[in-house]
Amino acid sequence: MRILKAGRGVRRGRARGYDIELIDKVCKLVSLPVIASSGAGRPEHFEELFEKTTSQAALASGIFHRKQVAIEAVKAHLDKTKHPVRRIVQ
């Protein structure tokens, strides 16, 4: 497994959305699954990522730690917009 970090810090912590252009380029260049990271500030940012790139997953932490958005709100939005999400069975 290889980890590629591209554009680190460009949008990090700004909650303005993922760098769609950069992530899309990386997805097209590599044959490995891409996990997008940094930039999410609202549920719509995840939707945009999955609609405009072939990223396999999205990572976010700041918006959850700062309690800007609940994890379930993001999952509900993605579910509503027909993007698969992993559910925890209790």
C-alpha atoms as a PDB file:
ATOM      1  CA  MET A   1       0.000   0.000   0.000  1.00  0.00           C
ATOM      2  CA  ARG A   2       1.224   3.480  -0.798  1.00  0.00           C
ATOM      3  CA  ILE A   3       0.037   6.745   0.592  1.00  0.00           C
ATOM      4  CA  LEU A   4       0.120   9.824  -1.603  1.00  0.00           C
ATOM      5  CA  LYS A   5      -0.298  13.247  -0.094  1.00  0.00           C
ATOM      6  CA  ALA A   6      -0.982  15.911  -2.678  1.00  0.00           C
ATOM      7  CA  GLY A   7      -1.651  19.537  -1.960  1.00  0.00           C
ATOM      8  CA  ARG A   8      -1.486  19.139   1.803  1.00  0.00           C
ATOM      9  CA  GLY A   9      -2.445  22.365   3.507  1.00  0.00           C
ATOM     10  CA  VAL A  10      -4.060  24.013   0.507  1.00  0.00           C
ATOM     11  CA  ARG A  11      -7.555  23.812   2.002  1.00  0.00           C
ATOM     12  CA  ARG A  12      -6.773  22.109   5.244  1.00  0.00           C
ATOM     13  CA  GLY A  13      -8.971  23.277   8.081  1.00  0.00           C
ATOM     14  CA  ARG A  14     -10.803  25.884   6.041  1.00  0.00           C
ATOM     15  CA  ALA A  15     -14.066  23.937   5.635  1.00  0.00           C
ATOM     16  CA  ARG A  16     -14.568  25.297   2.107  1.00  0.00           C
ATOM     17  CA  GLY A  17     -14.916  21.923   0.452  1.00  0.00           C
ATOM     18  CA  TYR A  18     -12.541  19.344  -0.907  1.00  0.00           C
ATOM     19  CA  ASP A  19     -10.077  20.329  -3.628  1.00  0.00           C
ATOM     20  CA  ILE A  20     -12.142  18.626  -6.325  1.00  0.00           C
ATOM     21  CA  GLU A  21      -9.800  19.461  -9.199  1.00  0.00           C
ATOM     22  CA  LEU A  22      -6.737  18.054  -7.435  1.00  0.00           C
ATOM     23  CA  ILE A  23      -8.534  14.955  -6.139  1.00  0.00           C
ATOM     24  CA  ASP A  24      -9.948  14.242  -9.584  1.00  0.00           C
ATOM     25  CA  LYS A  25      -6.456  14.467 -11.110  1.00  0.00           C
ATOM     26  CA  VAL A  26      -5.045  12.090  -8.506  1.00  0.00           C
ATOM     27  CA  CYS A  27      -7.906   9.628  -9.070  1.00  0.00           C
ATOM     28  CA  LYS A  28      -7.153   9.609 -12.798  1.00  0.00           C
ATOM     29  CA  LEU A  29      -3.392   9.150 -12.305  1.00  0.00           C
ATOM     30  CA  VAL A  30      -3.297   6.270  -9.848  1.00  0.00           C
ATOM     31  CA  SER A  31      -4.681   2.754  -9.865  1.00  0.00           C
ATOM     32  CA  LEU A  32      -5.048   2.701  -6.088  1.00  0.00           C
ATOM     33  CA  PRO A  33      -8.177   3.650  -4.143  1.00  0.00           C
ATOM     34  CA  VAL A  34      -8.190   7.350  -3.262  1.00  0.00           C
ATOM     35  CA  ILE A  35      -9.385   8.633   0.095  1.00  0.00           C
ATOM     36  CA  ALA A  36     -10.028  12.368  -0.072  1.00  0.00           C
ATOM     37  CA  SER A  37      -9.041  14.374   2.984  1.00  0.00           C
ATOM     38  CA  SER A  38      -9.254  17.935   4.250  1.00  0.00           C
ATOM     39  CA  GLY A  39     -11.734  20.605   3.366  1.00  0.00           C
ATOM     40  CA  ALA A  40     -15.169  19.334   4.350  1.00  0.00           C
ATOM     41  CA  GLY A  41     -17.282  21.859   6.199  1.00  0.00           C
ATOM     42  CA  ARG A  42     -20.827  20.702   5.488  1.00  0.00           C
ATOM     43  CA  PRO A  43     -22.641  17.593   4.214  1.00  0.00           C
ATOM     44  CA  GLU A  44     -22.884  18.957   0.662  1.00  0.00           C
ATOM     45  CA  HIS A  45     -19.085  18.900   0.363  1.00  0.00           C
ATOM     46  CA  PHE A  46     -19.131  15.091   0.605  1.00  0.00           C
ATOM     47  CA  GLU A  47     -21.857  14.883  -2.040  1.00  0.00           C
ATOM     48  CA  GLU A  48     -19.863  17.131  -4.383  1.00  0.00           C
ATOM     49  CA  LEU A  49     -16.756  14.989  -3.886  1.00  0.00           C
ATOM     50  CA  PHE A  50     -18.520  11.763  -4.814  1.00  0.00           C
ATOM     51  CA  GLU A  51     -20.364  13.300  -7.759  1.00  0.00           C
ATOM     52  CA  LYS A  52     -17.343  14.997  -9.320  1.00  0.00           C
ATOM     53  CA  THR A  53     -14.542  12.482  -8.638  1.00  0.00           C
ATOM     54  CA  THR A  54     -14.031   8.741  -8.427  1.00  0.00           C
ATOM     55  CA  SER A  55     -12.654   8.984  -4.893  1.00  0.00           C
ATOM     56  CA  GLN A  56     -13.403   5.787  -2.998  1.00  0.00           C
ATOM     57  CA  ALA A  57     -13.890   7.465   0.380  1.00  0.00           C
ATOM     58  CA  ALA A  58     -13.812  10.775   2.209  1.00  0.00           C
ATOM     59  CA  LEU A  59     -12.075  11.625   5.415  1.00  0.00           C
ATOM     60  CA  ALA A  60     -13.090  14.438   7.746  1.00  0.00           C
ATOM     61  CA  SER A  61     -12.368  15.158  11.362  1.00  0.00           C
ATOM     62  CA  GLY A  62     -12.321  18.866  12.146  1.00  0.00           C
ATOM     63  CA  ILE A  63     -16.003  19.435  11.447  1.00  0.00           C
ATOM     64  CA  PHE A  64     -16.870  16.574  13.783  1.00  0.00           C
ATOM     65  CA  HIS A  65     -14.447  17.523  16.561  1.00  0.00           C
ATOM     66  CA  ARG A  66     -15.659  21.132  16.479  1.00  0.00           C
ATOM     67  CA  LYS A  67     -19.242  19.811  16.411  1.00  0.00           C
ATOM     68  CA  GLN A  68     -20.057  21.870  13.311  1.00  0.00           C
ATOM     69  CA  VAL A  69     -21.831  18.893  11.760  1.00  0.00           C
ATOM     70  CA  ALA A  70     -22.880  15.576  13.259  1.00  0.00           C
ATOM     71  CA  ILE A  71     -21.604  12.411  11.595  1.00  0.00           C
ATOM     72  CA  GLU A  72     -25.190  11.186  11.270  1.00  0.00           C
ATOM     73  CA  ALA A  73     -26.140  14.399   9.434  1.00  0.00           C
ATOM     74  CA  VAL A  74     -23.486  13.675   6.806  1.00  0.00           C
ATOM     75  CA  LYS A  75     -24.595  10.039   6.508  1.00  0.00           C
ATOM     76  CA  ALA A  76     -28.255  11.069   6.221  1.00  0.00           C
ATOM     77  CA  HIS A  77     -27.439  13.602   3.503  1.00  0.00           C
ATOM     78  CA  LEU A  78     -25.392  11.082   1.521  1.00  0.00           C
ATOM     79  CA  ASP A  79     -28.110   8.479   1.938  1.00  0.00           C
ATOM     80  CA  LYS A  80     -30.719  10.958   0.692  1.00  0.00           C
ATOM     81  CA  THR A  81     -28.581  11.807  -2.349  1.00  0.00           C
ATOM     82  CA  LYS A  82     -28.089   8.100  -3.177  1.00  0.00           C
ATOM     83  CA  HIS A  83     -24.447   7.784  -2.113  1.00  0.00           C
ATOM     84  CA  PRO A  84     -23.701   4.607  -0.124  1.00  0.00           C
ATOM     85  CA  VAL A  85     -22.655   4.981   3.487  1.00  0.00           C
ATOM     86  CA  ARG A  86     -21.496   2.481   6.060  1.00  0.00           C
ATOM     87  CA  ARG A  87     -23.934   2.011   8.913  1.00  0.00           C
ATOM     88  CA  ILE A  88     -22.969   0.710  12.342  1.00  0.00           C
ATOM     89  CA  VAL A  89     -25.226  -2.104  13.485  1.00  0.00           C
ATOM     90  CA  GLN A  90     -25.801  -2.135  17.229  1.00  0.00           C
END
